[in-house]
Amino acid sequence: MSHLCHLKMVGISTIIKISMLRLKMLFRSYRFTSDEIRRQSLISLSDSFS
């Protein structure tokens, strides 16, 4: 019984770790794309002003 409980805890913690990693990756890529979009819009803005 305790062995099963331990397995369940390990599985849950592993799932949490994986989902946290995925969230981190998503957040990083989102930040990168938003930075890219901001840079592109800034470039187009300066182009239209010049």
Foldseek 3Di string as FASTA:
>chain_A
DVVVVVVVVVVVVVVVVVVVVVVVVVVVVVVVVVVVVVVVVVVVVVVVVD
